[in-house]
Protein backbone atom coordinates (compact mmCIF):
# COMPACT_ATOMS: atom_id res chain seq x y z
CA UNK A 1 46.51 61.37 -47.87
CA UNK A 2 46.35 61.59 -51.62
CA UNK A 3 43.30 59.70 -52.85
CA UNK A 4 45.35 58.04 -55.58
CA UNK A 5 47.51 56.34 -52.96
CA UNK A 6 46.42 53.38 -50.88
CA UNK A 7 49.11 54.12 -48.27
CA UNK A 8 50.38 50.59 -47.83
CA UNK A 9 53.59 48.72 -48.12
CA UNK A 10 54.32 45.62 -50.18
CA UNK A 11 56.77 42.98 -48.93
CA UNK A 12 60.33 44.28 -48.84
CA UNK A 13 62.42 42.79 -51.65
CA UNK A 14 66.07 41.97 -51.11
CA UNK A 15 68.45 44.51 -52.62
CA UNK A 16 71.21 42.91 -54.62
CA UNK A 17 74.68 43.98 -53.46
CA UNK A 18 76.80 45.90 -55.91
CA UNK A 19 79.65 43.69 -57.08
CA UNK A 20 82.97 45.53 -56.94
CA UNK A 21 86.58 44.54 -56.49
CA UNK A 22 87.83 45.36 -53.00
CA UNK A 23 91.23 46.49 -54.27
CA UNK A 24 89.71 49.00 -56.66
CA UNK A 25 87.04 50.37 -54.35
CA UNK A 26 87.84 53.64 -52.65
CA UNK A 27 86.22 55.10 -49.55
CA UNK A 28 84.36 57.62 -51.72
CA UNK A 29 82.94 54.95 -54.03
CA UNK A 30 81.74 52.82 -51.09
CA UNK A 31 79.96 55.86 -49.65
CA UNK A 32 78.38 56.50 -53.03
CA UNK A 33 77.21 52.88 -53.22
CA UNK A 34 75.58 53.15 -49.78
CA UNK A 35 73.84 56.35 -50.91
CA UNK A 36 72.52 54.58 -54.01
CA UNK A 37 71.20 51.70 -51.88
CA UNK A 38 69.45 54.14 -49.56
CA UNK A 39 67.88 55.88 -52.55
CA UNK A 40 66.75 52.51 -53.91
CA UNK A 41 65.14 51.61 -50.58
CA UNK A 42 63.38 54.97 -50.52
CA UNK A 43 62.08 54.67 -54.05
CA UNK A 44 60.91 51.09 -53.54
CA UNK A 45 58.94 52.32 -50.52
CA UNK A 46 57.44 55.04 -52.73
CA UNK A 47 56.50 52.54 -55.41
CA UNK A 48 54.76 50.33 -52.89
CA UNK A 49 52.44 53.17 -51.94
CA UNK A 50 50.83 53.09 -55.37
CA UNK A 51 47.28 51.93 -55.85
CA UNK A 52 46.33 50.39 -59.15
CA UNK A 53 43.43 52.65 -60.10
CA UNK A 54 42.18 53.01 -63.65
CA UNK A 55 43.77 56.47 -63.85
CA UNK A 56 47.26 55.25 -63.09
CA UNK A 57 47.66 51.91 -64.83
CA UNK A 58 48.23 50.72 -68.33
CA UNK A 59 47.54 47.29 -69.73
CA UNK A 60 50.16 45.64 -67.51
CA UNK A 61 48.41 46.73 -64.31
CA UNK A 62 51.49 48.64 -63.13
CA UNK A 63 51.48 52.13 -61.67
CA UNK A 64 53.52 53.57 -64.51
CA UNK A 65 53.05 57.31 -63.73
CA UNK A 66 54.14 56.74 -60.15
CA UNK A 67 57.16 54.75 -61.31
CA UNK A 68 58.07 57.50 -63.78
CA UNK A 69 57.81 60.18 -61.10
CA UNK A 70 59.85 58.16 -58.68
CA UNK A 71 62.55 57.25 -61.21
CA UNK A 72 63.47 60.91 -61.69
CA UNK A 73 64.61 61.05 -58.06
CA UNK A 74 67.34 58.50 -58.73
CA UNK A 75 68.18 59.45 -62.29
CA UNK A 76 71.87 59.70 -61.43
CA UNK A 77 71.95 56.19 -59.89
CA UNK A 78 71.51 52.77 -61.44
CA UNK A 79 68.04 53.51 -62.82
CA UNK A 80 67.60 50.20 -64.62
CA UNK A 81 68.09 48.17 -61.46
CA UNK A 82 65.81 50.43 -59.41
CA UNK A 83 63.00 50.31 -61.98
CA UNK A 84 63.19 46.54 -62.29
CA UNK A 85 62.91 46.19 -58.52
CA UNK A 86 59.97 48.61 -58.44
CA UNK A 87 58.18 46.71 -61.19
CA UNK A 88 58.74 43.45 -59.30
CA UNK A 89 57.25 45.01 -56.17
CA UNK A 90 54.27 46.28 -58.15
CA UNK A 91 53.75 42.87 -59.74
CA UNK A 92 53.80 41.24 -56.32
CA UNK A 93 51.16 43.71 -55.09
CA UNK A 94 49.02 43.05 -58.13
CA UNK A 95 49.06 39.30 -57.48
CA UNK A 96 47.74 39.56 -53.88
CA UNK A 97 44.32 37.99 -53.56
CA UNK A 98 41.59 40.03 -51.90
CA UNK A 99 38.23 38.89 -50.58
CA UNK A 100 35.27 39.85 -52.79
CA UNK A 101 33.59 41.16 -49.66
CA UNK A 102 34.59 41.21 -46.03
CA UNK A 103 32.65 42.01 -42.86
CA UNK A 104 34.14 43.07 -39.53
CA UNK A 105 31.76 42.61 -36.61
CA UNK A 106 32.55 45.28 -34.03
CA UNK A 107 33.55 48.91 -34.70
CA UNK A 108 35.61 49.32 -31.57
CA UNK A 109 39.30 50.26 -31.70
CA UNK A 110 40.34 46.80 -32.92
CA UNK A 111 37.68 46.52 -35.61
CA UNK A 112 38.41 49.96 -37.04
CA UNK A 113 42.19 49.45 -37.09
CA UNK A 114 41.63 46.09 -38.82
CA UNK A 115 39.47 47.80 -41.45
CA UNK A 116 42.11 50.48 -42.03
CA UNK A 117 44.81 47.81 -42.38
CA UNK A 118 42.79 46.00 -45.06
CA UNK A 119 42.03 49.26 -46.88
CA UNK A 120 45.71 50.17 -46.96
CA UNK A 121 46.36 46.83 -48.60
CA UNK A 122 43.90 47.68 -51.37
CA UNK A 123 40.93 45.67 -50.13
CA UNK A 124 37.53 46.96 -51.18
CA UNK A 125 34.00 46.33 -49.93
CA UNK A 126 35.02 46.20 -46.26
CA UNK A 127 31.89 46.52 -44.15
CA UNK A 128 32.09 47.19 -40.39
CA UNK A 129 29.00 46.58 -38.23
CA UNK A 130 28.54 48.01 -34.72
CA UNK A 131 25.53 47.61 -32.41
CA UNK A 132 26.26 50.77 -30.40
CA UNK A 133 25.46 54.33 -31.47
CA UNK A 134 27.95 56.44 -33.38
CA UNK A 135 30.19 58.35 -30.94
CA UNK A 136 30.44 62.13 -30.77
CA UNK A 137 33.23 63.94 -32.62
CA UNK A 138 36.62 63.39 -31.01
CA UNK A 139 37.37 67.12 -30.84
CA UNK A 140 34.21 67.92 -28.87
CA UNK A 141 35.82 68.99 -25.60
CA UNK A 142 32.46 69.63 -23.94
CA UNK A 143 31.46 66.00 -24.41
CA UNK A 144 34.74 64.29 -23.67
CA UNK A 145 35.47 66.59 -20.76
CA UNK A 146 32.80 64.61 -18.92
CA UNK A 147 34.54 61.56 -17.37
CA UNK A 148 31.21 59.72 -17.25
CA UNK A 149 31.25 59.41 -21.03
CA UNK A 150 33.71 56.54 -21.18
CA UNK A 151 36.40 54.74 -19.22
CA UNK A 152 40.06 55.43 -19.93
CA UNK A 153 42.52 53.08 -21.60
CA UNK A 154 46.30 53.34 -21.69
CA UNK A 155 48.27 52.87 -24.89
CA UNK A 156 51.60 51.23 -24.06
CA UNK A 157 54.55 50.44 -26.33
CA UNK A 158 52.79 47.48 -27.96
CA UNK A 159 49.75 49.51 -28.91
CA UNK A 160 51.71 52.58 -29.99
CA UNK A 161 54.00 50.59 -32.26
CA UNK A 162 51.01 48.95 -33.92
CA UNK A 163 49.22 52.27 -34.46
CA UNK A 164 52.42 53.82 -35.77
CA UNK A 165 52.61 51.14 -38.44
CA UNK A 166 49.30 52.33 -39.87
CA UNK A 167 49.98 56.08 -39.41
CA UNK A 168 47.39 56.18 -36.63
CA UNK A 169 49.53 57.08 -33.62
CA UNK A 170 49.14 60.83 -34.15
CA UNK A 171 45.41 60.31 -34.65
CA UNK A 172 45.19 58.78 -31.18
CA UNK A 173 47.67 60.94 -29.29
CA UNK A 174 46.02 64.16 -30.50
CA UNK A 175 43.30 63.46 -27.92
CA UNK A 176 45.38 61.54 -25.38
CA UNK A 177 47.19 62.54 -22.20
CA UNK A 178 50.77 61.45 -21.62
CA UNK A 179 51.29 59.75 -18.23
CA UNK A 180 54.77 59.91 -16.70
CA UNK A 181 54.21 57.83 -13.56
CA UNK A 182 51.89 57.33 -10.61
CA UNK A 183 51.06 58.89 -7.28
CA UNK A 184 49.95 56.67 -4.41
CA UNK A 185 48.63 58.02 -1.11
CA UNK A 186 49.99 56.45 2.07
CA UNK A 187 47.89 55.57 5.13
CA UNK A 188 48.19 59.17 6.39
CA UNK A 189 46.95 60.58 3.08
CA UNK A 190 50.33 61.92 1.96
CA UNK A 191 51.06 61.71 -1.78
CA UNK A 192 54.03 59.58 -2.86
CA UNK A 193 55.02 60.24 -6.47
CA UNK A 194 56.92 57.71 -8.55
CA UNK A 195 58.05 58.78 -12.02
CA UNK A 196 58.89 56.10 -14.56
CA UNK A 197 61.40 56.45 -17.37
CA UNK A 198 60.22 54.45 -20.37
CA UNK A 199 60.93 54.42 -24.08
CA UNK A 200 57.22 54.91 -24.69
CA UNK A 201 55.24 56.94 -22.15
CA UNK A 202 51.74 55.60 -21.66
CA UNK A 203 49.15 57.60 -23.63
CA UNK A 204 45.77 57.69 -21.87
CA UNK A 205 42.56 58.31 -23.80
CA UNK A 206 38.87 57.59 -23.30
CA UNK A 207 38.02 54.36 -25.08
CA UNK A 208 35.06 55.80 -26.99
CA UNK A 209 37.01 58.94 -27.88
CA UNK A 210 39.66 56.74 -29.50
CA UNK A 211 36.87 55.05 -31.43
CA UNK A 212 35.63 58.47 -32.58
CA UNK A 213 39.11 59.51 -33.76
CA UNK A 214 39.63 56.25 -35.69
CA UNK A 215 36.14 56.52 -37.21
CA UNK A 216 36.89 60.02 -38.48
CA UNK A 217 40.11 58.69 -40.04
CA UNK A 218 38.11 56.01 -41.86
CA UNK A 219 35.54 58.50 -43.11
CA UNK A 220 38.19 60.98 -44.26
CA UNK A 221 40.70 58.69 -45.96
CA UNK A 222 39.22 55.23 -46.53
CA UNK A 223 35.56 55.88 -47.34
CA UNK A 224 35.99 54.37 -50.81
CA UNK A 225 36.99 51.02 -49.27
CA UNK A 226 35.36 50.88 -45.83
CA UNK A 227 31.76 51.39 -44.74
CA UNK A 228 30.94 51.64 -41.03
CA UNK A 229 27.34 51.12 -39.86
CA UNK A 230 26.14 51.83 -36.30
CA UNK A 231 23.00 50.64 -34.57
CA UNK A 232 23.09 47.20 -36.18
CA UNK A 233 24.05 43.85 -34.66
CA UNK A 234 24.91 40.44 -36.05
CA UNK A 235 22.76 38.06 -33.99
CA UNK A 236 23.13 34.99 -36.18
CA UNK A 237 26.10 33.56 -38.08
CA UNK A 238 26.29 30.33 -40.08
CA UNK A 239 28.91 28.82 -42.36
CA UNK A 240 28.79 26.87 -45.61
CA UNK A 241 29.73 23.18 -45.51
CA UNK A 242 32.93 23.93 -47.41
CA UNK A 243 33.85 26.69 -44.96
CA UNK A 244 34.33 29.31 -47.66
CA UNK A 245 31.23 31.45 -47.02
CA UNK A 246 29.58 32.98 -43.97
CA UNK A 247 25.93 34.02 -43.76
CA UNK A 248 25.07 36.81 -41.33
CA UNK A 249 21.68 38.01 -40.09
CA UNK A 250 21.72 41.73 -39.27
CA UNK A 251 19.29 43.32 -36.83
CA UNK A 252 18.61 46.95 -36.02
CA UNK A 253 19.47 47.98 -32.45
CA UNK A 254 18.14 50.52 -29.99
CA UNK A 255 19.22 51.95 -26.64
CA UNK A 256 22.89 52.05 -27.65
CA UNK A 257 22.89 48.36 -28.55
CA UNK A 258 21.07 47.08 -25.47
CA UNK A 259 17.99 45.99 -27.42
CA UNK A 260 17.52 44.60 -30.95
CA UNK A 261 14.55 44.03 -33.22
CA UNK A 262 13.16 40.50 -33.30
CA UNK A 263 13.15 40.39 -37.09
CA UNK A 264 16.31 40.54 -39.16
CA UNK A 265 16.80 43.68 -41.17
CA UNK A 266 19.07 42.02 -43.70
CA UNK A 267 20.76 38.69 -44.46
CA UNK A 268 24.10 38.78 -46.26
CA UNK A 269 26.69 36.30 -47.47
CA UNK A 270 30.38 37.16 -47.30
CA UNK A 271 33.63 35.44 -48.19
CA UNK A 272 35.32 36.68 -45.00
CA UNK A 273 33.99 37.68 -41.59
CA UNK A 274 36.27 38.89 -38.79
CA UNK A 275 34.88 38.83 -35.28
CA UNK A 276 36.32 41.85 -33.48
CA UNK A 277 33.51 42.11 -30.96
CA UNK A 278 34.12 41.10 -27.35
CA UNK A 279 32.26 38.04 -26.12
CA UNK A 280 30.91 39.81 -23.01
CA UNK A 281 27.48 41.37 -22.58
CA UNK A 282 23.96 39.98 -22.69
CA UNK A 283 24.22 38.17 -26.02
CA UNK A 284 27.94 37.80 -26.53
CA UNK A 285 29.39 37.65 -30.02
CA UNK A 286 27.41 35.76 -32.66
CA UNK A 287 30.59 34.99 -34.63
CA UNK A 288 32.36 33.62 -31.56
CA UNK A 289 29.27 31.61 -30.62
CA UNK A 290 28.92 30.15 -34.11
CA UNK A 291 32.58 29.14 -34.30
CA UNK A 292 32.47 27.69 -30.79
CA UNK A 293 29.44 25.54 -31.66
CA UNK A 294 30.52 24.51 -35.17
CA UNK A 295 31.79 20.95 -35.65
CA UNK A 296 33.98 22.18 -38.51
CA UNK A 297 35.92 24.48 -36.20
CA UNK A 298 38.46 23.77 -33.47
CA UNK A 299 37.71 27.07 -31.72
CA UNK A 300 36.51 26.54 -28.16
CA UNK A 301 36.04 29.41 -25.75
CA UNK A 302 37.74 28.70 -22.43
CA UNK A 303 36.52 30.61 -19.37
CA UNK A 304 38.84 30.61 -16.40
CA UNK A 305 37.41 30.18 -12.92
CA UNK A 306 36.71 33.39 -11.07
CA UNK A 307 37.65 33.78 -7.43
CA UNK A 308 34.75 35.32 -5.52
CA UNK A 309 37.11 37.35 -3.35
CA UNK A 310 38.75 38.83 -6.47
CA UNK A 311 35.52 39.88 -8.17
CA UNK A 312 34.99 43.65 -8.41
CA UNK A 313 32.29 46.05 -9.58
CA UNK A 314 32.93 49.73 -10.14
CA UNK A 315 31.57 53.24 -10.49
CA UNK A 316 33.10 56.15 -12.41
CA UNK A 317 33.87 59.25 -10.31
CA UNK A 318 34.97 62.58 -11.89
CA UNK A 319 37.99 64.01 -10.04
CA UNK A 320 38.94 67.70 -10.35
CA UNK A 321 42.59 68.17 -9.47
CA UNK A 322 43.35 71.37 -7.53
CA UNK A 323 46.19 73.69 -8.51
CA UNK A 324 49.65 72.35 -7.71
CA UNK A 325 48.91 68.72 -8.57
CA UNK A 326 50.55 67.12 -11.60
CA UNK A 327 48.12 66.23 -14.37
CA UNK A 328 50.34 63.55 -15.91
CA UNK A 329 50.13 60.92 -13.16
CA UNK A 330 47.98 57.91 -12.35
CA UNK A 331 46.56 58.66 -8.87
CA UNK A 332 45.69 55.72 -6.64
CA UNK A 333 44.59 54.85 -3.10
CA UNK A 334 43.25 51.80 -1.26
CA UNK A 335 41.40 51.07 1.95
CA UNK A 336 41.85 48.23 4.41
CA UNK A 337 38.66 46.56 3.16
CA UNK A 338 40.01 46.18 -0.37
CA UNK A 339 38.21 49.17 -1.93
CA UNK A 340 40.44 50.90 -4.50
CA UNK A 341 40.34 54.23 -6.28
CA UNK A 342 42.29 54.39 -9.56
CA UNK A 343 42.36 57.71 -11.43
CA UNK A 344 43.70 58.39 -14.92
CA UNK A 345 43.92 61.86 -16.51
CA UNK A 346 42.15 63.15 -19.60
CA UNK A 347 43.36 65.67 -22.15
CA UNK A 348 40.98 68.27 -20.70
CA UNK A 349 42.54 67.96 -17.23
CA UNK A 350 39.86 66.06 -15.31
CA UNK A 351 40.64 62.66 -13.86
CA UNK A 352 38.49 59.61 -14.56
CA UNK A 353 38.28 57.91 -11.18
CA UNK A 354 37.29 54.25 -11.00
CA UNK A 355 36.04 53.14 -7.58
CA UNK A 356 36.44 49.36 -7.34
CA UNK A 357 34.55 47.45 -4.65
CA UNK A 358 33.68 43.82 -3.91
CA UNK A 359 30.05 43.04 -4.79
CA UNK A 360 29.87 40.97 -1.60
CA UNK A 361 30.65 44.11 0.43
CA UNK A 362 27.00 45.12 0.69
CA UNK A 363 27.62 47.77 3.31
CA UNK A 364 30.01 49.74 1.07
CA UNK A 365 27.84 49.23 -2.02
CA UNK A 366 24.87 50.74 -0.19
CA UNK A 367 26.95 53.73 0.88
CA UNK A 368 28.01 54.35 -2.74
CA UNK A 369 24.36 54.45 -3.81
CA UNK A 370 23.24 57.21 -1.46
CA UNK A 371 24.50 60.80 -2.02
CA UNK A 372 24.79 61.68 1.67
CA UNK A 373 26.41 58.38 2.66
CA UNK A 374 28.73 58.54 -0.35
CA UNK A 375 30.02 61.95 0.72
CA UNK A 376 30.59 60.66 4.25
CA UNK A 377 32.34 57.59 2.88
CA UNK A 378 34.69 59.66 0.73
CA UNK A 379 35.45 61.94 3.69
CA UNK A 380 36.37 59.01 5.92
CA UNK A 381 38.03 56.51 3.55
CA UNK A 382 39.28 58.68 0.69
CA UNK A 383 39.80 62.16 2.23
CA UNK A 384 42.52 62.98 -0.34
CA UNK A 385 39.93 62.63 -3.14
CA UNK A 386 36.77 63.79 -1.37
CA UNK A 387 37.59 67.48 -1.67
CA UNK A 388 38.18 66.96 -5.41
CA UNK A 389 34.63 65.67 -6.04
CA UNK A 390 31.86 68.27 -6.29
CA UNK A 391 28.46 67.80 -4.67
CA UNK A 392 26.90 67.68 -8.13
CA UNK A 393 29.16 64.79 -9.16
CA UNK A 394 28.51 62.99 -5.87
CA UNK A 395 24.82 63.12 -6.71
CA UNK A 396 25.43 61.71 -10.22
CA UNK A 397 27.71 58.93 -9.00
CA UNK A 398 25.26 57.82 -6.32
CA UNK A 399 22.47 57.54 -8.90
CA UNK A 400 24.63 55.68 -11.43
CA UNK A 401 24.63 51.89 -11.70
CA UNK A 402 27.50 49.59 -10.85
CA UNK A 403 29.38 48.12 -13.80
CA UNK A 404 31.13 44.77 -13.86
CA UNK A 405 34.53 43.75 -15.14
CA UNK A 406 34.82 41.08 -17.85
CA UNK A 407 35.66 37.49 -16.98
CA UNK A 408 38.92 35.93 -18.08
CA UNK A 409 38.52 33.87 -21.23
CA UNK A 410 40.38 32.98 -24.41
CA UNK A 411 39.75 31.22 -27.70
CA UNK A 412 41.44 27.85 -27.53
CA UNK A 413 42.32 25.49 -30.36
CA UNK A 414 42.06 27.81 -33.35
CA UNK A 415 41.15 31.39 -34.21
CA UNK A 416 39.59 30.65 -37.60
CA UNK A 417 37.06 28.53 -39.43
CA UNK A 418 37.89 27.37 -42.96
CA UNK A 419 38.76 30.28 -45.22
CA UNK A 420 35.84 32.54 -44.26
CA UNK A 421 36.06 33.43 -40.55
CA UNK A 422 38.61 34.66 -38.04
CA UNK A 423 38.65 36.21 -34.55
CA UNK A 424 40.71 39.09 -33.22
CA UNK A 425 41.08 41.33 -30.16
CA UNK A 426 38.76 40.82 -27.19
CA UNK A 427 37.11 37.98 -29.09
CA UNK A 428 40.21 35.83 -28.51
CA UNK A 429 41.56 37.20 -25.22
CA UNK A 430 39.40 38.87 -22.59
CA UNK A 431 41.23 40.23 -19.56
CA UNK A 432 40.48 42.70 -16.80
CA UNK A 433 41.82 46.19 -17.56
CA UNK A 434 44.17 46.42 -14.57
CA UNK A 435 47.40 46.54 -16.55
CA UNK A 436 46.23 47.88 -19.92
CA UNK A 437 47.01 44.75 -21.93
CA UNK A 438 43.60 44.30 -23.61
CA UNK A 439 43.57 46.98 -26.30
CA UNK A 440 47.36 46.95 -26.74
CA UNK A 441 47.50 43.23 -27.43
CA UNK A 442 44.47 43.62 -29.71
CA UNK A 443 46.33 46.16 -31.86
CA UNK A 444 49.24 43.72 -31.94
CA UNK A 445 46.79 41.07 -33.22
CA UNK A 446 46.13 43.30 -36.23
CA UNK A 447 49.82 43.51 -37.12
CA UNK A 448 50.18 39.73 -36.86
CA UNK A 449 47.13 39.25 -39.09
CA UNK A 450 48.62 41.58 -41.68
CA UNK A 451 51.93 39.70 -41.63
CA UNK A 452 50.02 36.50 -42.34
CA UNK A 453 48.08 38.14 -45.19
CA UNK A 454 51.39 39.37 -46.56
CA UNK A 455 53.03 35.95 -46.43
CA UNK A 456 50.00 34.23 -47.94
CA UNK A 457 49.54 36.89 -50.65
CA UNK A 458 45.98 37.44 -49.48
CA UNK A 459 44.83 33.82 -49.75
CA UNK A 460 42.50 33.29 -46.78
CA UNK A 461 42.92 29.52 -47.04
CA UNK A 462 46.52 30.14 -46.01
CA UNK A 463 46.62 33.33 -43.94
CA UNK A 464 43.78 32.39 -41.52
CA UNK A 465 45.37 29.08 -40.36
CA UNK A 466 48.74 30.83 -40.23
CA UNK A 467 47.26 33.57 -38.05
CA UNK A 468 45.80 30.94 -35.71
CA UNK A 469 49.15 29.22 -35.43
CA UNK A 470 50.97 32.48 -34.65
CA UNK A 471 48.47 34.06 -32.25
CA UNK A 472 46.38 31.40 -30.47
CA UNK A 473 49.12 30.42 -28.02
CA UNK A 474 49.86 34.08 -27.23
CA UNK A 475 46.17 34.76 -26.53
CA UNK A 476 46.07 31.85 -24.08
CA UNK A 477 49.32 32.91 -22.38
CA UNK A 478 48.12 36.51 -21.95
CA UNK A 479 44.86 35.47 -20.30
CA UNK A 480 46.52 32.91 -18.01
CA UNK A 481 49.16 35.43 -16.90
CA UNK A 482 46.50 38.09 -16.23
CA UNK A 483 44.36 35.56 -14.37
CA UNK A 484 47.30 34.90 -12.08
CA UNK A 485 47.35 38.58 -11.13
CA UNK A 486 43.77 38.18 -9.93
CA UNK A 487 44.55 35.28 -7.63
CA UNK A 488 45.51 37.07 -4.44
CA UNK A 489 48.66 36.84 -2.34
CA UNK A 490 50.03 33.46 -3.48
CA UNK A 491 49.75 34.02 -7.24
CA UNK A 492 50.24 37.78 -7.41
CA UNK A 493 51.85 39.48 -4.40
CA UNK A 494 54.30 36.73 -3.40
CA UNK A 495 55.68 36.24 -6.94
CA UNK A 496 56.23 40.00 -7.23
CA UNK A 497 58.16 39.97 -3.95
CA UNK A 498 60.28 36.99 -5.02
CA UNK A 499 60.98 38.49 -8.45
CA UNK A 500 62.03 41.77 -6.85
CA UNK A 501 64.45 40.09 -4.42
CA UNK A 502 66.03 37.65 -6.86
CA UNK A 503 66.32 40.17 -9.70
CA UNK A 504 68.03 42.63 -7.35
CA UNK A 505 70.51 39.96 -6.20
CA UNK A 506 71.21 38.38 -9.60
CA UNK A 507 69.88 40.49 -12.50
CA UNK A 508 72.04 38.47 -14.87
CA UNK A 509 70.05 35.33 -14.00
CA UNK A 510 66.55 36.44 -13.00
CA UNK A 511 64.24 38.64 -15.05
CA UNK A 512 62.11 41.51 -13.61
CA UNK A 513 58.60 40.82 -12.35
CA UNK A 514 55.84 39.67 -14.69
CA UNK A 515 54.16 43.08 -14.92
CA UNK A 516 57.38 44.64 -16.18
CA UNK A 517 57.95 41.71 -18.54
CA UNK A 518 54.56 42.26 -20.16
CA UNK A 519 55.68 45.77 -21.11
CA UNK A 520 58.53 44.37 -23.23
CA UNK A 521 57.10 44.87 -26.70
CA UNK A 522 59.71 42.58 -28.27
CA UNK A 523 58.70 39.63 -26.07
CA UNK A 524 55.70 37.47 -26.93
CA UNK A 525 53.34 36.48 -24.13
CA UNK A 526 54.31 32.83 -24.62
CA UNK A 527 57.98 33.68 -24.22
CA UNK A 528 57.24 35.73 -21.10
CA UNK A 529 55.20 32.90 -19.61
CA UNK A 530 57.93 30.33 -20.23
CA UNK A 531 60.62 32.58 -18.84
CA UNK A 532 58.68 33.28 -15.64
CA UNK A 533 58.08 29.54 -15.16
CA UNK A 534 61.84 29.04 -15.41
CA UNK A 535 62.45 31.83 -12.89
CA UNK A 536 59.83 30.45 -10.52
CA UNK A 537 61.24 26.90 -10.70
CA UNK A 538 64.75 28.18 -10.00
CA UNK A 539 63.54 30.37 -7.13
CA UNK A 540 61.69 27.48 -5.50
CA UNK A 541 64.73 25.22 -5.92
CA UNK A 542 67.01 27.78 -4.28
CA UNK A 543 64.59 28.42 -1.43
CA UNK A 544 64.10 24.67 -0.94
CA UNK A 545 67.88 24.16 -0.85
CA UNK A 546 68.27 26.96 1.69
CA UNK A 547 65.48 25.51 3.80
CA UNK A 548 66.93 21.99 3.61
CA UNK A 549 70.39 23.31 4.50
CA UNK A 550 68.96 25.27 7.43
CA UNK A 551 67.15 22.20 8.72
CA UNK A 552 70.38 20.17 8.48
CA UNK A 553 72.30 22.82 10.40
CA UNK A 554 69.63 22.94 13.10
CA UNK A 555 69.67 19.16 13.41
CA UNK A 556 73.46 19.13 13.66
CA UNK A 557 73.34 21.85 16.33
CA UNK A 558 70.69 19.94 18.30
CA UNK A 559 72.77 16.75 18.16
CA UNK A 560 75.86 18.64 19.25
CA UNK A 561 74.12 20.27 22.20
CA UNK A 562 72.53 16.96 23.15
CA UNK A 563 75.90 15.22 23.15
CA UNK A 564 77.45 17.99 25.30
CA UNK A 565 74.60 17.77 27.76
CA UNK A 566 74.93 13.98 27.99
CA UNK A 567 78.71 14.23 28.40
CA UNK A 568 78.46 16.83 31.16
CA UNK A 569 75.81 14.80 32.91
């Protein structure tokens, strides 16, 4: 992008209709009016891209050269009206408040997209802090061709629409693999393909590779506004009594963020801190912890109870697909003991296999930690995958450690403190990555935050409470819905069966199952939750009525037979 442009949009202004007499308006003139309106919309969009740098502004603070260049495009239309609308848009941009300094804790996908969003709005002095090491270049095929480097995430419609808004979709999909459906193996090991037709095909990419691509975008196009630092962690966060300043203690980290120095490297004060760091791990998020403990803040982290039988640990297994297999499918298989293998493709062609097992299944866990026993286990329980795993990779997998999945939790009450702190992404909704809702809903958080900034004209006293009001309930609904999927037969399998039956019988009355509903990008999680409660109540009522009617019929039949028997006797 041109360095003189901040690449952002100001609020859309209403276009005044052209007043004409119906009797005197011909078809040609109406077409011409529509063309003029389209040109006006286009030029307003162009004007909103302008940054107000010292090279482009005069004493009024307006981007006069940009306006002059744009006005020539519509010289044959109503130039006076167009220019006045452009000037109004520029004035509105100029009036937006911006934090003197802002800090984003966490340089994962959510933190980096948040930083880019602020930079596009003209914010300066945005500092992003990340405890982990800087990732390798996204185009390094040798590095990212190794499935052990990072787990895969799937970008669904929600995530893609959010990235598209910030011109980041192409940045992500350049290193992603399009997935068209899934392939499950039956009990005899035969593949069963199921292709899915969707408006947005899922784009699969390694999580850390996505981070690398977004980081390169920041360094290439937003370096004058955003600074990203790796190997540093915020271990302490406090707030002023008035709630307008946050003080952060920054520590240097080692071992890819696993260990930090005992003495703070730096202490800074900022007018806005955004916690984009998940609350999992050894220390959790200092910003989340500080807000949770503060008496000034209504934020309270709510952890949902984990079912022991639903808990899983996993190991990453590289899968090399042989010739003849499709490389755009999610491959999956399960055993009778509840061990699952889920495999997603990479751009380089290898599959990232995730072997999920219950930590209480000690026998299987021991087999997965010994190269010889692991090979035997794959041969017996996953023969369709065993031949796709080399002996070298079996050795690596056996020596690797088990990883755990995050617990379900959400930020209840509020997502902000005063005018200086807010939470976003995994910091407000932590779910298990079974259905790809974590990162996609996090990107959606960013778009909601920007809408609030837009409506509040950058005033954090207004946009932070507004963001809490708009997003807190959705964060809670998402986590509660996802937690239900982890509850076993009664809360997951049975509802899916009921939804399938009732939707097939009466699609005009009953919605599809909850998993499909979550993929509707135009439905909020709160709306989905309420709708499924309605469906479930109606389903139970119908089943109860059928059961009651059946019992009545049986009783009537019994009475009839009893009377016949008595009469014959």
